[in-house]
Amino acid sequence: MRRVLILGAGTAGTMLANRLADQLDRSWSITIVDRDDDHHYQPGYLFIPFGTATAKQITKPRSSFLPPRVAFVRSGISRVRPDDNEVDLDDGRILGYDWLLIATGTVPRPDLTPGMGDGSLWYRKVFDFYTMAGALALQDVLAGFRGGRLLVHITEMPIKCPVAPLEFAFLADDHFRRRGLRHKVDITFVTPLDGAFTKPIAARELGNLLEDRSIRLATDFAVERVDNEHSTLIAYDGRELPFDLLVTVPLNTGQQYVFESGIGDESGFVQVDKQTLRSTRYDNIFAFGDATDLPTSKAGAVAHFAVELFGDNFQAAIAGRPLPNAFDGHANCFIESGRGEALLLDFNYDTEPLTGRYPLPLVGPMRLLGRSRINHWGKLLFEKLYWQVLMRGRSLPVPTLMSMAGKDQED
């Protein structure tokens, strides 16, 4: 019997398990590994600090989304031994494979910035919201915050869901406005980039929105350390930003087993061909989603579109044929802007986010890089589609490869 082993039962891993269960005959065994049975809808972390989502709402059993023929092994991963086609688990078991699919995502590492995760202010005045624990702790603090200097900070790129820090800043503005405290809260968005986003048109539109909401923008800020004694964020160039509350996105890296197995780059991300997601070093390894070094956003949409194209490629790979489908880096994501509105981005490796309409030209109904209430409802609806459609291995009625239809092209 031929063996497929999937590491990670999150977004990408669960979609892969469902699709392969439909596509492979019974001469194949399919096994998936993860440390626990808690599947988190991670975009929901953003809403927990503001009291508009709960931990229970965004958590469901991983096992309930896996087909009966897929064996679910609950354990952490110790090491991949690609020369032996084996994976060592934390509990001492060894799993062999013929094909290995890696989808274990990325992990926040506040311990890698001096004074952040190891400082006395961690979870007192310094918080993350990319973990369940951080989002829940921040909810209590925001509820009692009556004024002062709030920094919304990105340590370094790449990060999981690169628009989420902007969303947090916009939702914080809205949160304090509704509480009648906005005039008492000074909000600064602090980024290592030279603008509000990575590409010019989106950076312009989002920068304008920050200015419209009276949110300061501190760019090119390469953080050196967090000074816990003086509650100050310090950059390598000497700039200092004092804070009463620091909401940070710590450095993101790949999983520790990737480092120790020697199958990733210096940041722990698996190196893959950007069009096929096949390992550049091992022909029988593929990687997906946030676990890869793909030059695009680490977001669920990227995993979704890449997995859509994988079935035909995998059939070709096991037959020793050239892989027919080329992934274009397609990503799209909603950006909550507060006040019941949101923006939408749609882009790929070669085309930056543009203004326009999505998914249909002129009709939309969603606006690209423009605030609208329907975009906001689209983001809220997506949670239901995530659980009921994507995690079941089904397709959404949108193009897998990015289309220029409906996009406004600027000189």
Protein backbone atom coordinates (compact mmCIF):
# COMPACT_ATOMS: atom_id res chain seq x y z
CA MET A 1 0.00 0.00 0.00
CA ARG A 2 1.30 3.46 -0.93
CA ARG A 3 1.38 6.01 1.85
CA VAL A 4 0.57 9.74 1.93
CA LEU A 5 1.49 11.50 5.16
CA ILE A 6 0.15 15.00 5.86
CA LEU A 7 1.77 17.06 8.61
CA GLY A 8 -0.66 19.61 10.02
CA ALA A 9 -4.46 19.40 10.28
CA GLY A 10 -5.13 23.11 9.94
CA THR A 11 -6.53 24.90 6.89
CA ALA A 12 -4.27 23.47 4.17
CA GLY A 13 -3.87 20.02 5.71
CA THR A 14 -7.59 19.48 6.20
CA MET A 15 -8.39 20.55 2.63
CA LEU A 16 -5.68 18.22 1.33
CA ALA A 17 -6.99 15.27 3.36
CA ASN A 18 -10.52 15.72 2.05
CA ARG A 19 -9.52 16.13 -1.57
CA LEU A 20 -7.07 13.23 -1.58
CA ALA A 21 -9.65 10.97 0.06
CA ASP A 22 -11.87 11.58 -2.97
CA GLN A 23 -9.10 11.37 -5.57
CA LEU A 24 -7.02 8.36 -4.44
CA ASP A 25 -8.19 4.77 -4.61
CA ARG A 26 -7.98 2.30 -1.74
CA SER A 27 -4.47 1.25 -2.66
CA TRP A 28 -3.41 4.42 -0.83
CA SER A 29 -3.35 5.09 2.90
CA ILE A 30 -3.76 8.68 4.07
CA THR A 31 -2.53 9.78 7.49
CA ILE A 32 -2.62 13.25 9.00
CA VAL A 33 -0.75 14.40 12.11
CA ASP A 34 -1.39 17.25 14.52
CA ARG A 35 -0.71 17.89 18.19
CA ASP A 36 -4.35 18.19 19.28
CA ASP A 37 -7.95 18.08 18.09
CA ASP A 38 -8.62 21.84 18.27
CA HIS A 39 -9.05 23.48 14.88
CA HIS A 40 -9.10 27.26 15.23
CA TYR A 41 -10.58 29.61 12.66
CA GLN A 42 -7.59 31.91 12.96
CA PRO A 43 -9.12 35.02 11.32
CA GLY A 44 -11.43 35.00 14.33
CA TYR A 45 -8.52 35.87 16.66
CA LEU A 46 -8.84 39.45 15.38
CA PHE A 47 -12.37 39.82 16.76
CA ILE A 48 -11.88 38.27 20.21
CA PRO A 49 -10.13 41.33 21.74
CA PHE A 50 -13.12 43.48 20.77
CA GLY A 51 -15.69 41.07 22.17
CA THR A 52 -17.28 40.26 18.80
CA ALA A 53 -16.11 36.62 18.73
CA THR A 54 -15.57 33.95 21.35
CA ALA A 55 -13.09 31.11 21.68
CA LYS A 56 -15.93 28.61 21.50
CA GLN A 57 -17.27 30.12 18.30
CA ILE A 58 -13.99 29.81 16.39
CA THR A 59 -12.91 26.38 17.70
CA LYS A 60 -14.15 23.03 16.36
CA PRO A 61 -12.76 19.47 16.49
CA ARG A 62 -10.26 18.75 13.72
CA SER A 63 -11.51 15.18 13.57
CA SER A 64 -15.03 16.24 12.60
CA PHE A 65 -13.73 17.61 9.28
CA LEU A 66 -11.65 14.57 8.30
CA PRO A 67 -13.00 11.73 6.14
CA PRO A 68 -13.36 8.29 7.77
CA ARG A 69 -10.60 6.77 5.63
CA VAL A 70 -8.03 9.33 6.85
CA ALA A 71 -6.11 8.20 9.94
CA PHE A 72 -5.69 11.06 12.44
CA VAL A 73 -2.59 10.80 14.63
CA ARG A 74 -2.46 13.18 17.59
CA SER A 75 1.13 14.06 18.41
CA GLY A 76 3.69 16.78 18.02
CA ILE A 77 6.37 16.35 15.35
CA SER A 78 9.98 15.89 16.36
CA ARG A 79 11.85 15.50 13.08
CA VAL A 80 11.50 14.68 9.41
CA ARG A 81 14.15 12.30 8.03
CA PRO A 82 13.70 12.77 4.28
CA ASP A 83 16.51 10.40 3.30
CA ASP A 84 14.68 7.61 5.16
CA ASN A 85 11.14 8.71 4.22
CA GLU A 86 10.21 8.76 7.89
CA VAL A 87 8.87 11.23 10.47
CA ASP A 88 9.67 11.00 14.18
CA LEU A 89 6.83 12.04 16.49
CA ASP A 90 7.13 13.56 19.96
CA ASP A 91 5.54 10.49 21.52
CA GLY A 92 8.25 8.20 20.12
CA ARG A 93 6.33 6.77 17.19
CA ILE A 94 7.84 6.71 13.70
CA LEU A 95 5.65 7.15 10.62
CA GLY A 96 6.86 6.15 7.17
CA TYR A 97 5.68 7.72 3.94
CA ASP A 98 5.98 7.53 0.18
CA TRP A 99 4.78 11.12 -0.24
CA LEU A 100 4.99 13.83 2.42
CA LEU A 101 2.74 16.91 2.42
CA ILE A 102 3.78 19.62 4.90
CA ALA A 103 1.12 22.06 6.11
CA THR A 104 2.15 22.94 9.65
CA GLY A 105 1.97 26.70 9.22
CA THR A 106 3.99 29.34 11.01
CA VAL A 107 4.41 30.23 14.65
CA PRO A 108 4.75 33.60 16.47
CA ARG A 109 8.09 33.90 18.30
CA PRO A 110 8.00 36.79 20.80
CA ASP A 111 11.00 35.19 22.53
CA LEU A 112 13.23 36.18 19.60
CA THR A 113 12.87 39.94 20.24
CA PRO A 114 14.69 41.11 23.39
CA GLY A 115 12.29 42.35 26.04
CA MET A 116 9.17 41.14 24.23
CA GLY A 117 8.17 37.61 25.21
CA ASP A 118 10.75 37.46 27.98
CA GLY A 119 9.95 40.89 29.45
CA SER A 120 8.03 41.78 32.60
CA LEU A 121 5.37 43.60 30.52
CA TRP A 122 4.40 40.54 28.47
CA TYR A 123 0.64 40.07 28.85
CA ARG A 124 0.56 43.13 31.12
CA LYS A 125 1.18 45.98 28.66
CA VAL A 126 2.56 44.01 25.69
CA PHE A 127 0.25 41.60 23.86
CA ASP A 128 -0.10 39.61 20.67
CA PHE A 129 -3.40 38.63 19.07
CA TYR A 130 -2.16 35.88 16.73
CA THR A 131 -2.73 33.26 19.42
CA MET A 132 -5.85 32.31 21.32
CA ALA A 133 -4.18 33.09 24.65
CA GLY A 134 -3.03 36.50 23.46
CA ALA A 135 -6.39 37.45 21.98
CA LEU A 136 -8.25 36.46 25.16
CA ALA A 137 -5.82 38.32 27.43
CA LEU A 138 -6.05 41.42 25.25
CA GLN A 139 -9.84 41.39 25.45
CA ASP A 140 -9.74 42.08 29.18
CA VAL A 141 -7.14 44.83 28.79
CA LEU A 142 -8.97 46.64 25.98
CA ALA A 143 -12.19 46.59 27.98
CA GLY A 144 -10.47 48.49 30.79
CA PHE A 145 -8.29 50.80 28.68
CA ARG A 146 -9.35 54.42 29.26
CA GLY A 147 -6.72 56.29 27.27
CA GLY A 148 -3.05 56.62 26.41
CA ARG A 149 -0.62 55.65 23.67
CA LEU A 150 -1.49 52.50 21.74
CA LEU A 151 1.09 51.05 19.35
CA VAL A 152 0.00 48.46 16.79
CA HIS A 153 3.28 46.93 15.71
CA ILE A 154 4.74 44.46 13.19
CA THR A 155 8.15 43.08 14.14
CA GLU A 156 9.26 41.81 10.74
CA MET A 157 7.93 40.31 7.53
CA PRO A 158 6.76 37.75 6.55
CA ILE A 159 3.87 37.29 8.95
CA LYS A 160 0.71 35.27 8.87
CA CYS A 161 -2.12 37.36 7.38
CA PRO A 162 -0.19 40.59 6.70
CA VAL A 163 -3.35 42.75 6.70
CA ALA A 164 -4.46 41.71 10.20
CA PRO A 165 -2.37 44.38 12.02
CA LEU A 166 -4.00 47.08 9.88
CA GLU A 167 -7.39 45.60 10.66
CA PHE A 168 -6.59 45.70 14.36
CA ALA A 169 -5.69 49.40 14.13
CA PHE A 170 -8.93 50.23 12.31
CA LEU A 171 -11.05 48.19 14.70
CA ALA A 172 -9.31 49.78 17.69
CA ASP A 173 -10.16 53.22 16.31
CA ASP A 174 -13.79 52.13 15.96
CA HIS A 175 -13.80 50.47 19.40
CA PHE A 176 -12.68 53.58 21.23
CA ARG A 177 -14.87 55.87 19.11
CA ARG A 178 -17.97 53.89 20.09
CA ARG A 179 -16.93 54.08 23.73
CA GLY A 180 -16.48 57.85 23.53
CA LEU A 181 -12.76 57.54 24.28
CA ARG A 182 -11.16 58.00 20.87
CA HIS A 183 -9.92 61.51 21.70
CA LYS A 184 -8.04 60.05 24.66
CA VAL A 185 -6.25 57.32 22.68
CA ASP A 186 -3.24 58.04 20.46
CA ILE A 187 -2.92 55.16 17.96
CA THR A 188 0.25 54.59 15.94
CA PHE A 189 0.70 51.87 13.33
CA VAL A 190 4.35 50.78 13.43
CA THR A 191 5.75 48.79 10.51
CA PRO A 192 9.13 47.70 9.13
CA LEU A 193 7.81 48.49 5.63
CA ASP A 194 8.17 51.85 3.89
CA GLY A 195 4.40 52.28 3.77
CA ALA A 196 1.13 50.91 5.11
CA PHE A 197 1.37 47.87 2.82
CA THR A 198 3.86 46.13 0.55
CA LYS A 199 2.61 47.39 -2.83
CA PRO A 200 2.25 51.04 -3.98
CA ILE A 201 -1.46 51.27 -4.81
CA ALA A 202 -2.59 49.39 -1.72
CA ALA A 203 -0.08 51.32 0.41
CA ARG A 204 -1.55 54.58 -0.88
CA GLU A 205 -5.17 53.62 -0.27
CA LEU A 206 -4.54 52.12 3.16
CA GLY A 207 -2.24 54.98 4.13
CA ASN A 208 -5.00 57.43 3.26
CA LEU A 209 -7.42 55.45 5.42
CA LEU A 210 -5.00 55.55 8.36
CA GLU A 211 -4.73 59.30 7.96
CA ASP A 212 -8.51 59.64 7.69
CA ARG A 213 -8.87 57.78 11.01
CA SER A 214 -6.16 59.90 12.68
CA ILE A 215 -3.90 56.89 13.10
CA ARG A 216 -0.23 57.79 12.98
CA LEU A 217 2.10 55.81 10.69
CA ALA A 218 5.67 54.98 11.69
CA THR A 219 7.49 53.31 8.78
CA ASP A 220 10.88 51.61 8.31
CA PHE A 221 10.84 50.74 12.01
CA ALA A 222 13.22 47.84 12.60
CA VAL A 223 12.69 46.97 16.23
CA GLU A 224 15.77 46.24 18.34
CA ARG A 225 14.09 45.60 21.68
CA VAL A 226 11.26 46.41 24.04
CA ASP A 227 12.37 48.51 27.03
CA ASN A 228 10.19 47.16 29.82
CA GLU A 229 11.40 49.63 32.42
CA HIS A 230 10.32 52.66 30.40
CA SER A 231 7.52 51.03 28.34
CA THR A 232 9.24 51.96 25.10
CA LEU A 233 9.67 50.32 21.70
CA ILE A 234 13.20 50.94 20.45
CA ALA A 235 14.44 50.69 16.84
CA TYR A 236 17.94 49.97 15.62
CA ASP A 237 18.18 53.50 14.21
CA GLY A 238 17.64 54.96 17.69
CA ARG A 239 13.99 55.94 17.38
CA GLU A 240 11.94 55.36 20.52
CA LEU A 241 8.17 55.04 20.76
CA PRO A 242 6.70 55.10 24.29
CA PHE A 243 3.48 53.19 24.88
CA ASP A 244 0.79 52.50 27.41
CA LEU A 245 -0.33 49.47 25.42
CA LEU A 246 1.72 47.64 22.78
CA VAL A 247 -0.14 45.23 20.50
CA THR A 248 2.56 43.49 18.53
CA VAL A 249 2.87 40.86 15.83
CA PRO A 250 6.01 38.98 16.86
CA LEU A 251 8.52 37.54 14.45
CA ASN A 252 6.95 34.60 12.59
CA THR A 253 9.00 31.50 11.80
CA GLY A 254 8.40 27.99 10.60
CA GLN A 255 7.95 25.16 13.05
CA GLN A 256 10.88 23.98 15.16
CA TYR A 257 10.95 20.52 13.59
CA VAL A 258 11.56 22.15 10.18
CA PHE A 259 14.70 23.83 11.54
CA GLU A 260 15.93 20.62 13.14
CA SER A 261 15.19 18.50 10.08
CA GLY A 262 17.13 20.73 7.70
CA ILE A 263 14.24 20.88 5.22
CA GLY A 264 13.65 24.63 5.35
CA ASP A 265 15.37 27.98 4.95
CA GLU A 266 16.94 30.06 7.72
CA SER A 267 13.47 31.14 8.88
CA GLY A 268 12.12 27.60 9.03
CA PHE A 269 9.98 27.78 5.89
CA VAL A 270 10.03 24.86 3.46
CA GLN A 271 11.59 25.82 0.16
CA VAL A 272 9.30 24.96 -2.75
CA ASP A 273 8.86 25.70 -6.43
CA LYS A 274 6.48 28.65 -6.37
CA GLN A 275 4.31 27.25 -9.18
CA THR A 276 4.03 23.59 -8.17
CA LEU A 277 4.72 23.75 -4.39
CA ARG A 278 7.06 20.79 -4.78
CA SER A 279 10.13 20.82 -2.58
CA THR A 280 13.19 22.12 -4.39
CA ARG A 281 15.26 19.44 -2.65
CA TYR A 282 13.08 16.33 -2.32
CA ASP A 283 10.84 15.17 -5.15
CA ASN A 284 8.41 13.33 -2.87
CA ILE A 285 7.75 16.32 -0.58
CA PHE A 286 5.26 19.13 -1.18
CA ALA A 287 4.44 22.00 1.18
CA PHE A 288 1.43 24.30 1.42
CA GLY A 289 0.15 27.46 3.02
CA ASP A 290 2.10 29.33 5.68
CA ALA A 291 4.72 26.57 5.96
CA THR A 292 6.29 27.51 2.62
CA ASP A 293 8.69 30.18 1.41
CA LEU A 294 6.28 31.30 -1.33
CA PRO A 295 6.72 35.00 -2.25
CA THR A 296 3.11 35.86 -1.48
CA SER A 297 0.91 36.40 1.54
CA LYS A 298 0.77 33.78 4.27
CA ALA A 299 -3.00 33.54 4.21
CA GLY A 300 -5.69 30.90 4.04
CA ALA A 301 -6.72 31.98 0.55
CA VAL A 302 -3.26 31.14 -0.79
CA ALA A 303 -3.52 27.65 0.69
CA HIS A 304 -7.01 27.25 -0.74
CA PHE A 305 -6.10 28.21 -4.29
CA ALA A 306 -2.89 26.15 -4.25
CA VAL A 307 -4.71 23.05 -2.98
CA GLU A 308 -7.32 23.47 -5.74
CA LEU A 309 -4.55 22.92 -8.31
CA PHE A 310 -2.76 20.13 -6.47
CA GLY A 311 -4.89 17.10 -7.40
CA ASP A 312 -3.84 16.93 -11.04
CA ASN A 313 -0.25 17.71 -10.12
CA PHE A 314 -0.14 14.90 -7.59
CA GLN A 315 -1.52 12.38 -10.07
CA ALA A 316 1.20 13.46 -12.50
CA ALA A 317 3.89 13.31 -9.81
CA ILE A 318 3.11 9.74 -8.78
CA ALA A 319 3.10 8.73 -12.45
CA GLY A 320 6.44 10.41 -13.05
CA ARG A 321 5.02 12.95 -15.50
CA PRO A 322 5.58 16.75 -15.64
CA LEU A 323 3.19 18.64 -13.36
CA PRO A 324 0.46 20.31 -15.47
CA ASN A 325 -0.82 23.08 -13.17
CA ALA A 326 1.08 26.23 -12.27
CA PHE A 327 -0.01 28.21 -9.20
CA ASP A 328 0.16 31.98 -9.78
CA GLY A 329 0.34 33.09 -6.15
CA HIS A 330 -3.33 34.08 -6.11
CA ALA A 331 -4.42 35.63 -2.82
CA ASN A 332 -7.45 37.59 -1.76
CA CYS A 333 -8.46 38.88 1.64
CA PHE A 334 -10.88 41.21 3.33
CA ILE A 335 -9.60 44.10 5.44
CA GLU A 336 -11.93 45.19 8.21
CA SER A 337 -11.89 48.99 8.32
CA GLY A 338 -14.34 49.47 11.21
CA ARG A 339 -17.71 51.23 11.17
CA GLY A 340 -19.32 48.18 9.55
CA GLU A 341 -17.19 48.33 6.41
CA ALA A 342 -14.30 46.42 4.88
CA LEU A 343 -11.99 46.47 1.87
CA LEU A 344 -11.03 43.57 -0.40
CA LEU A 345 -7.66 42.76 -1.97
CA ASP A 346 -7.11 40.39 -4.91
CA PHE A 347 -3.59 39.85 -6.30
CA ASN A 348 -0.91 37.33 -7.25
CA TYR A 349 2.84 37.04 -7.76
CA ASP A 350 2.89 39.46 -10.69
CA THR A 351 -0.09 41.76 -10.12
CA GLU A 352 -0.38 44.02 -7.10
CA PRO A 353 -3.74 44.74 -5.43
CA LEU A 354 -5.75 47.08 -7.67
CA THR A 355 -9.02 48.95 -7.39
CA GLY A 356 -12.10 47.63 -9.18
CA ARG A 357 -14.89 45.11 -8.70
CA TYR A 358 -14.84 41.42 -7.69
CA PRO A 359 -15.56 38.76 -8.77
CA LEU A 360 -17.52 40.13 -11.77
CA PRO A 361 -16.57 43.25 -13.80
CA LEU A 362 -18.83 46.26 -13.16
CA VAL A 363 -21.29 44.09 -11.20
CA GLY A 364 -19.03 43.06 -8.34
CA PRO A 365 -20.77 43.00 -5.96
CA MET A 366 -17.61 43.56 -3.92
CA ARG A 367 -15.29 46.54 -4.21
CA LEU A 368 -11.54 46.08 -4.53
CA LEU A 369 -9.51 48.44 -2.35
CA GLY A 370 -12.68 50.35 -1.54
CA ARG A 371 -14.69 50.39 1.67
CA SER A 372 -18.17 48.92 1.56
CA ARG A 373 -20.68 47.28 3.83
CA ILE A 374 -21.04 44.29 1.52
CA ASN A 375 -17.31 43.60 1.91
CA HIS A 376 -17.82 43.56 5.67
CA TRP A 377 -20.69 41.11 5.38
CA GLY A 378 -18.57 39.07 2.99
CA LYS A 379 -15.88 38.73 5.64
CA LEU A 380 -18.41 37.63 8.25
CA LEU A 381 -20.03 35.17 5.84
CA PHE A 382 -16.65 33.68 5.01
CA GLU A 383 -16.43 32.03 8.43
CA LYS A 384 -19.46 29.89 7.57
CA LEU A 385 -18.02 29.07 4.14
CA TYR A 386 -14.75 28.13 5.80
CA TRP A 387 -16.33 25.49 8.02
CA GLN A 388 -19.01 24.20 5.66
CA VAL A 389 -17.25 24.40 2.27
CA LEU A 390 -13.47 24.75 2.40
CA MET A 391 -12.84 22.40 5.31
CA ARG A 392 -14.99 19.79 3.56
CA GLY A 393 -12.71 19.92 0.52
CA ARG A 394 -15.23 21.72 -1.69
CA SER A 395 -14.60 24.62 -4.07
CA LEU A 396 -15.79 28.21 -3.87
CA PRO A 397 -17.41 29.81 -6.96
CA VAL A 398 -14.46 32.13 -7.60
CA PRO A 399 -11.53 31.78 -10.04
CA THR A 400 -8.63 29.68 -8.78
CA LEU A 401 -6.12 31.67 -10.82
CA MET A 402 -6.26 35.43 -10.49
CA SER A 403 -8.25 37.22 -13.20
CA MET A 404 -7.79 40.80 -14.39
CA ALA A 405 -11.52 41.02 -15.04
CA GLY A 406 -13.00 43.95 -13.12
CA LYS A 407 -9.66 45.44 -12.10
CA ASP A 408 -8.69 49.06 -12.82
CA GLN A 409 -5.20 49.26 -14.29
CA GLU A 410 -3.18 52.32 -13.39
CA ASP A 411 -0.09 53.67 -15.14
